């Protein structure tokens, strides 16, 4: 019965058929192709020059370009998949802003939720990070932050985590290990549960932890 209940959510998600490495190559190519120096080259020479400069294998880069261009709107897919993945279970109805920045090779997800109890912040952050990372394979960094549900303008938590670190979080074990193990995977962490003052923090945190 449990599997049947989960089935509609799984069917609704749109897989992003692109790896992190493929996305990085594609985004590097897209940025480089606009460079005036590249534009001055003959069209048939541009891909080779870009690949050589970036130390990519040309065939790998061209494969990544083809896969990215056939993957559809992976920004929208990632954002939809993240919302769907996080907005369930213990965080049902608490998900806030979700945005994925794909303008640079280092893709970043920004995910915000509403917190009802400070003692749950480490657990909730671990859930958000693990589910976000699983929902969007092109990410390099995940920036998470929480507002107080009772006072939505009050920031109570913010941190960032790399996709490789987020991959180490087992969402099913987060309740047991979030406070003792998983929270150590986060960087630039500020939390009211630790006595940190976030009163000056507003808007969307930057991926550098600002």
C-alpha atoms as a PDB file:
ATOM      1  CA  UNK A   1       0.000   0.000   0.000  1.00  0.00           C
ATOM      2  CA  UNK A   2       2.873   2.367   0.822  1.00  0.00           C
ATOM      3  CA  UNK A   3       4.339   1.908  -2.644  1.00  0.00           C
ATOM      4  CA  UNK A   4       0.980   2.638  -4.248  1.00  0.00           C
ATOM      5  CA  UNK A   5       0.646   5.871  -2.273  1.00  0.00           C
ATOM      6  CA  UNK A   6       4.048   7.023  -3.493  1.00  0.00           C
ATOM      7  CA  UNK A   7       3.412   6.131  -7.118  1.00  0.00           C
ATOM      8  CA  UNK A   8       1.598   9.341  -8.248  1.00  0.00           C
ATOM      9  CA  UNK A   9       4.443  11.523  -6.950  1.00  0.00           C
ATOM     10  CA  UNK A  10       7.033   9.407  -8.704  1.00  0.00           C
ATOM     11  CA  UNK A  11       5.144   9.526 -11.978  1.00  0.00           C
ATOM     12  CA  UNK A  12       4.721  13.289 -11.784  1.00  0.00           C
ATOM     13  CA  UNK A  13       8.453  13.988 -11.540  1.00  0.00           C
ATOM     14  CA  UNK A  14      10.262  14.745 -14.799  1.00  0.00           C
ATOM     15  CA  UNK A  15      13.716  13.156 -14.809  1.00  0.00           C
ATOM     16  CA  UNK A  16      16.611  15.415 -15.791  1.00  0.00           C
ATOM     17  CA  UNK A  17      18.620  13.269 -18.175  1.00  0.00           C
ATOM     18  CA  UNK A  18      21.884  15.117 -17.642  1.00  0.00           C
ATOM     19  CA  UNK A  19      24.793  14.541 -15.258  1.00  0.00           C
ATOM     20  CA  UNK A  20      26.624  17.220 -13.328  1.00  0.00           C
ATOM     21  CA  UNK A  21      29.709  16.836 -15.546  1.00  0.00           C
ATOM     22  CA  UNK A  22      27.644  17.026 -18.732  1.00  0.00           C
ATOM     23  CA  UNK A  23      25.895  20.147 -17.497  1.00  0.00           C
ATOM     24  CA  UNK A  24      29.221  21.785 -16.608  1.00  0.00           C
ATOM     25  CA  UNK A  25      30.585  21.117 -20.089  1.00  0.00           C
ATOM     26  CA  UNK A  26      27.413  22.366 -21.741  1.00  0.00           C
ATOM     27  CA  UNK A  27      27.218  25.538 -19.660  1.00  0.00           C
ATOM     28  CA  UNK A  28      30.916  26.248 -20.233  1.00  0.00           C
ATOM     29  CA  UNK A  29      30.330  25.824 -23.963  1.00  0.00           C
ATOM     30  CA  UNK A  30      27.276  28.112 -23.926  1.00  0.00           C
ATOM     31  CA  UNK A  31      29.198  30.829 -22.120  1.00  0.00           C
ATOM     32  CA  UNK A  32      32.312  30.447 -24.261  1.00  0.00           C
ATOM     33  CA  UNK A  33      30.472  30.485 -27.601  1.00  0.00           C
ATOM     34  CA  UNK A  34      29.361  34.066 -26.852  1.00  0.00           C
ATOM     35  CA  UNK A  35      32.957  35.243 -26.361  1.00  0.00           C
ATOM     36  CA  UNK A  36      33.890  37.773 -29.103  1.00  0.00           C
ATOM     37  CA  UNK A  37      37.158  35.939 -29.699  1.00  0.00           C
ATOM     38  CA  UNK A  38      35.280  32.704 -30.388  1.00  0.00           C
ATOM     39  CA  UNK A  39      32.744  34.512 -32.551  1.00  0.00           C
ATOM     40  CA  UNK A  40      35.574  35.688 -34.820  1.00  0.00           C
ATOM     41  CA  UNK A  41      36.527  32.077 -35.576  1.00  0.00           C
ATOM     42  CA  UNK A  42      35.096  30.057 -38.420  1.00  0.00           C
ATOM     43  CA  UNK A  43      31.988  28.200 -37.172  1.00  0.00           C
ATOM     44  CA  UNK A  44      33.539  24.804 -37.798  1.00  0.00           C
ATOM     45  CA  UNK A  45      36.548  25.679 -35.622  1.00  0.00           C
ATOM     46  CA  UNK A  46      34.678  26.982 -32.569  1.00  0.00           C
ATOM     47  CA  UNK A  47      33.833  23.734 -30.794  1.00  0.00           C
ATOM     48  CA  UNK A  48      37.355  22.420 -31.086  1.00  0.00           C
ATOM     49  CA  UNK A  49      38.825  25.654 -29.738  1.00  0.00           C
ATOM     50  CA  UNK A  50      36.439  25.729 -26.790  1.00  0.00           C
ATOM     51  CA  UNK A  51      37.113  22.092 -25.910  1.00  0.00           C
ATOM     52  CA  UNK A  52      40.880  22.544 -26.174  1.00  0.00           C
ATOM     53  CA  UNK A  53      40.872  25.661 -24.003  1.00  0.00           C
ATOM     54  CA  UNK A  54      38.758  23.942 -21.330  1.00  0.00           C
ATOM     55  CA  UNK A  55      40.752  20.703 -21.584  1.00  0.00           C
ATOM     56  CA  UNK A  56      37.615  18.760 -22.551  1.00  0.00           C
ATOM     57  CA  UNK A  57      37.610  15.931 -25.033  1.00  0.00           C
ATOM     58  CA  UNK A  58      35.769  17.303 -28.059  1.00  0.00           C
ATOM     59  CA  UNK A  59      33.576  14.211 -28.448  1.00  0.00           C
ATOM     60  CA  UNK A  60      32.603  14.373 -24.761  1.00  0.00           C
ATOM     61  CA  UNK A  61      31.709  18.037 -24.994  1.00  0.00           C
ATOM     62  CA  UNK A  62      29.663  17.557 -28.152  1.00  0.00           C
ATOM     63  CA  UNK A  63      27.854  14.607 -26.552  1.00  0.00           C
ATOM     64  CA  UNK A  64      27.077  16.785 -23.513  1.00  0.00           C
ATOM     65  CA  UNK A  65      25.756  19.560 -25.776  1.00  0.00           C
ATOM     66  CA  UNK A  66      23.484  17.116 -27.598  1.00  0.00           C
ATOM     67  CA  UNK A  67      22.173  15.635 -24.344  1.00  0.00           C
ATOM     68  CA  UNK A  68      21.581  19.062 -22.798  1.00  0.00           C
ATOM     69  CA  UNK A  69      19.747  20.354 -25.848  1.00  0.00           C
ATOM     70  CA  UNK A  70      17.476  17.294 -25.841  1.00  0.00           C
ATOM     71  CA  UNK A  71      16.864  17.452 -22.072  1.00  0.00           C
ATOM     72  CA  UNK A  72      14.289  20.221 -22.350  1.00  0.00           C
ATOM     73  CA  UNK A  73      13.976  22.955 -19.759  1.00  0.00           C
ATOM     74  CA  UNK A  74      16.122  21.363 -17.061  1.00  0.00           C
ATOM     75  CA  UNK A  75      15.917  24.474 -14.876  1.00  0.00           C
ATOM     76  CA  UNK A  76      12.109  24.203 -14.727  1.00  0.00           C
ATOM     77  CA  UNK A  77      12.272  20.432 -14.355  1.00  0.00           C
ATOM     78  CA  UNK A  78      14.705  20.688 -11.444  1.00  0.00           C
ATOM     79  CA  UNK A  79      12.632  23.333  -9.696  1.00  0.00           C
ATOM     80  CA  UNK A  80       9.452  21.286 -10.107  1.00  0.00           C
ATOM     81  CA  UNK A  81      11.126  18.076  -8.992  1.00  0.00           C
ATOM     82  CA  UNK A  82      12.662  19.739  -5.920  1.00  0.00           C
ATOM     83  CA  UNK A  83       9.335  21.228  -4.845  1.00  0.00           C
ATOM     84  CA  UNK A  84       7.668  17.863  -5.254  1.00  0.00           C
ATOM     85  CA  UNK A  85      10.423  15.954  -3.436  1.00  0.00           C
ATOM     86  CA  UNK A  86      10.616  18.288  -0.440  1.00  0.00           C
ATOM     87  CA  UNK A  87       6.892  18.988  -0.083  1.00  0.00           C
ATOM     88  CA  UNK A  88       6.034  15.649   1.480  1.00  0.00           C
ATOM     89  CA  UNK A  89       6.328  13.803   4.772  1.00  0.00           C
ATOM     90  CA  UNK A  90       7.517  15.918   7.698  1.00  0.00           C
ATOM     91  CA  UNK A  91       7.889  18.994   5.475  1.00  0.00           C
ATOM     92  CA  UNK A  92       4.505  18.794   3.784  1.00  0.00           C
ATOM     93  CA  UNK A  93       3.108  22.285   3.333  1.00  0.00           C
ATOM     94  CA  UNK A  94       6.274  23.960   4.648  1.00  0.00           C
ATOM     95  CA  UNK A  95       8.240  24.401   1.413  1.00  0.00           C
ATOM     96  CA  UNK A  96       8.783  27.996   0.361  1.00  0.00           C
ATOM     97  CA  UNK A  97      10.969  29.443  -2.370  1.00  0.00           C
ATOM     98  CA  UNK A  98      12.736  27.091  -4.800  1.00  0.00           C
ATOM     99  CA  UNK A  99      15.053  28.408  -7.486  1.00  0.00           C
ATOM    100  CA  UNK A 100      17.798  26.777  -9.543  1.00  0.00           C
ATOM    101  CA  UNK A 101      20.489  28.944 -11.130  1.00  0.00           C
ATOM    102  CA  UNK A 102      21.872  27.326 -14.293  1.00  0.00           C
ATOM    103  CA  UNK A 103      23.629  30.383 -15.724  1.00  0.00           C
ATOM    104  CA  UNK A 104      27.097  29.132 -14.766  1.00  0.00           C
ATOM    105  CA  UNK A 105      28.768  25.704 -14.891  1.00  0.00           C
ATOM    106  CA  UNK A 106      28.419  25.552 -11.090  1.00  0.00           C
ATOM    107  CA  UNK A 107      24.640  25.048 -10.810  1.00  0.00           C
ATOM    108  CA  UNK A 108      23.088  26.189  -7.536  1.00  0.00           C
ATOM    109  CA  UNK A 109      19.725  25.399  -5.926  1.00  0.00           C
ATOM    110  CA  UNK A 110      18.164  27.821  -3.452  1.00  0.00           C
ATOM    111  CA  UNK A 111      15.550  26.169  -1.227  1.00  0.00           C
ATOM    112  CA  UNK A 112      13.621  27.752   1.638  1.00  0.00           C
ATOM    113  CA  UNK A 113      11.168  26.266   4.101  1.00  0.00           C
ATOM    114  CA  UNK A 114       9.144  27.268   7.163  1.00  0.00           C
ATOM    115  CA  UNK A 115      10.262  25.956  10.540  1.00  0.00           C
ATOM    116  CA  UNK A 116       7.928  25.374  13.464  1.00  0.00           C
ATOM    117  CA  UNK A 117      10.451  24.235  16.107  1.00  0.00           C
ATOM    118  CA  UNK A 118      14.163  25.234  16.318  1.00  0.00           C
ATOM    119  CA  UNK A 119      15.155  21.801  17.618  1.00  0.00           C
ATOM    120  CA  UNK A 120      14.077  20.343  14.257  1.00  0.00           C
ATOM    121  CA  UNK A 121      16.267  22.629  12.126  1.00  0.00           C
ATOM    122  CA  UNK A 122      19.185  20.210  11.679  1.00  0.00           C
ATOM    123  CA  UNK A 123      16.809  17.406  10.734  1.00  0.00           C
ATOM    124  CA  UNK A 124      14.810  19.548   8.324  1.00  0.00           C
ATOM    125  CA  UNK A 125      17.929  20.993   6.691  1.00  0.00           C
ATOM    126  CA  UNK A 126      19.270  17.471   6.184  1.00  0.00           C
ATOM    127  CA  UNK A 127      16.004  16.372   4.584  1.00  0.00           C
ATOM    128  CA  UNK A 128      15.894  19.396   2.288  1.00  0.00           C
ATOM    129  CA  UNK A 129      19.510  18.905   1.191  1.00  0.00           C
ATOM    130  CA  UNK A 130      19.175  15.178   0.522  1.00  0.00           C
ATOM    131  CA  UNK A 131      15.881  15.467  -1.346  1.00  0.00           C
ATOM    132  CA  UNK A 132      17.017  18.477  -3.379  1.00  0.00           C
ATOM    133  CA  UNK A 133      20.210  16.749  -4.435  1.00  0.00           C
ATOM    134  CA  UNK A 134      18.357  13.599  -5.482  1.00  0.00           C
ATOM    135  CA  UNK A 135      15.811  15.616  -7.463  1.00  0.00           C
ATOM    136  CA  UNK A 136      18.330  17.544  -9.562  1.00  0.00           C
ATOM    137  CA  UNK A 137      21.504  15.735 -10.714  1.00  0.00           C
ATOM    138  CA  UNK A 138      23.183  18.795 -12.279  1.00  0.00           C
ATOM    139  CA  UNK A 139      23.669  20.674  -8.999  1.00  0.00           C
ATOM    140  CA  UNK A 140      27.038  21.580  -7.532  1.00  0.00           C
ATOM    141  CA  UNK A 141      25.800  23.510  -4.486  1.00  0.00           C
ATOM    142  CA  UNK A 142      22.595  23.704  -2.463  1.00  0.00           C
ATOM    143  CA  UNK A 143      21.788  26.815  -0.435  1.00  0.00           C
ATOM    144  CA  UNK A 144      19.093  26.242   2.201  1.00  0.00           C
ATOM    145  CA  UNK A 145      17.402  28.610   4.613  1.00  0.00           C
ATOM    146  CA  UNK A 146      14.407  28.618   6.928  1.00  0.00           C
ATOM    147  CA  UNK A 147      12.025  31.230   8.212  1.00  0.00           C
ATOM    148  CA  UNK A 148       9.975  31.005  11.399  1.00  0.00           C
ATOM    149  CA  UNK A 149       6.502  29.770  10.405  1.00  0.00           C
ATOM    150  CA  UNK A 150       4.912  31.866  13.146  1.00  0.00           C
ATOM    151  CA  UNK A 151       6.850  34.961  12.033  1.00  0.00           C
ATOM    152  CA  UNK A 152       7.694  34.461   8.330  1.00  0.00           C
ATOM    153  CA  UNK A 153       9.979  37.498   8.164  1.00  0.00           C
ATOM    154  CA  UNK A 154      12.282  36.039  10.832  1.00  0.00           C
ATOM    155  CA  UNK A 155      15.231  33.982   9.549  1.00  0.00           C
ATOM    156  CA  UNK A 156      16.113  31.031  11.812  1.00  0.00           C
ATOM    157  CA  UNK A 157      18.602  29.005   9.743  1.00  0.00           C
ATOM    158  CA  UNK A 158      20.829  29.224   6.704  1.00  0.00           C
ATOM    159  CA  UNK A 159      23.662  27.110   5.327  1.00  0.00           C
ATOM    160  CA  UNK A 160      25.083  25.726   2.125  1.00  0.00           C
ATOM    161  CA  UNK A 161      26.178  22.251   1.199  1.00  0.00           C
ATOM    162  CA  UNK A 162      27.945  20.738  -1.800  1.00  0.00           C
ATOM    163  CA  UNK A 163      26.126  18.143  -3.866  1.00  0.00           C
ATOM    164  CA  UNK A 164      28.806  15.578  -2.980  1.00  0.00           C
ATOM    165  CA  UNK A 165      28.213  16.198   0.737  1.00  0.00           C
ATOM    166  CA  UNK A 166      24.429  16.158   0.325  1.00  0.00           C
ATOM    167  CA  UNK A 167      24.745  12.758  -1.364  1.00  0.00           C
ATOM    168  CA  UNK A 168      26.066  11.372   1.940  1.00  0.00           C
ATOM    169  CA  UNK A 169      22.781  12.152   3.712  1.00  0.00           C
ATOM    170  CA  UNK A 170      20.308   9.298   3.965  1.00  0.00           C
ATOM    171  CA  UNK A 171      16.902  10.972   4.275  1.00  0.00           C
ATOM    172  CA  UNK A 172      15.447   7.881   5.966  1.00  0.00           C
ATOM    173  CA  UNK A 173      18.069   8.108   8.719  1.00  0.00           C
ATOM    174  CA  UNK A 174      18.083  11.891   9.049  1.00  0.00           C
ATOM    175  CA  UNK A 175      16.003  11.861  12.216  1.00  0.00           C
ATOM    176  CA  UNK A 176      18.673   9.747  13.940  1.00  0.00           C
ATOM    177  CA  UNK A 177      21.833  11.283  12.524  1.00  0.00           C
ATOM    178  CA  UNK A 178      21.042  14.883  11.535  1.00  0.00           C
ATOM    179  CA  UNK A 179      22.188  16.484  14.780  1.00  0.00           C
ATOM    180  CA  UNK A 180      25.238  14.292  15.387  1.00  0.00           C
ATOM    181  CA  UNK A 181      26.519  13.628  11.874  1.00  0.00           C
ATOM    182  CA  UNK A 182      24.772  15.235   8.906  1.00  0.00           C
ATOM    183  CA  UNK A 183      24.770  18.809  10.171  1.00  0.00           C
ATOM    184  CA  UNK A 184      28.586  18.728  10.007  1.00  0.00           C
ATOM    185  CA  UNK A 185      28.350  18.423   6.233  1.00  0.00           C
ATOM    186  CA  UNK A 186      26.977  21.960   5.934  1.00  0.00           C
ATOM    187  CA  UNK A 187      29.100  25.098   5.495  1.00  0.00           C
ATOM    188  CA  UNK A 188      28.521  28.758   6.412  1.00  0.00           C
ATOM    189  CA  UNK A 189      25.922  27.559   8.900  1.00  0.00           C
ATOM    190  CA  UNK A 190      23.933  29.937  11.069  1.00  0.00           C
ATOM    191  CA  UNK A 191      21.122  28.639  13.273  1.00  0.00           C
ATOM    192  CA  UNK A 192      19.063  30.027  16.111  1.00  0.00           C
ATOM    193  CA  UNK A 193      19.350  26.548  17.625  1.00  0.00           C
ATOM    194  CA  UNK A 194      23.054  27.322  18.094  1.00  0.00           C
ATOM    195  CA  UNK A 195      22.372  30.797  19.437  1.00  0.00           C
ATOM    196  CA  UNK A 196      23.333  32.543  16.191  1.00  0.00           C
ATOM    197  CA  UNK A 197      21.842  35.943  15.427  1.00  0.00           C
ATOM    198  CA  UNK A 198      20.198  35.988  11.998  1.00  0.00           C
ATOM    199  CA  UNK A 199      18.243  39.192  12.536  1.00  0.00           C
ATOM    200  CA  UNK A 200      20.234  41.002   9.848  1.00  0.00           C
ATOM    201  CA  UNK A 201      19.730  38.268   7.252  1.00  0.00           C
ATOM    202  CA  UNK A 202      17.154  39.052   4.584  1.00  0.00           C
ATOM    203  CA  UNK A 203      16.296  37.911   1.074  1.00  0.00           C
ATOM    204  CA  UNK A 204      17.882  34.928  -0.639  1.00  0.00           C
ATOM    205  CA  UNK A 205      21.294  33.919   0.746  1.00  0.00           C
ATOM    206  CA  UNK A 206      24.082  33.735  -1.825  1.00  0.00           C
ATOM    207  CA  UNK A 207      25.817  30.487  -2.682  1.00  0.00           C
ATOM    208  CA  UNK A 208      28.962  31.857  -1.024  1.00  0.00           C
ATOM    209  CA  UNK A 209      27.095  31.992   2.250  1.00  0.00           C
ATOM    210  CA  UNK A 210      26.385  35.701   2.338  1.00  0.00           C
END
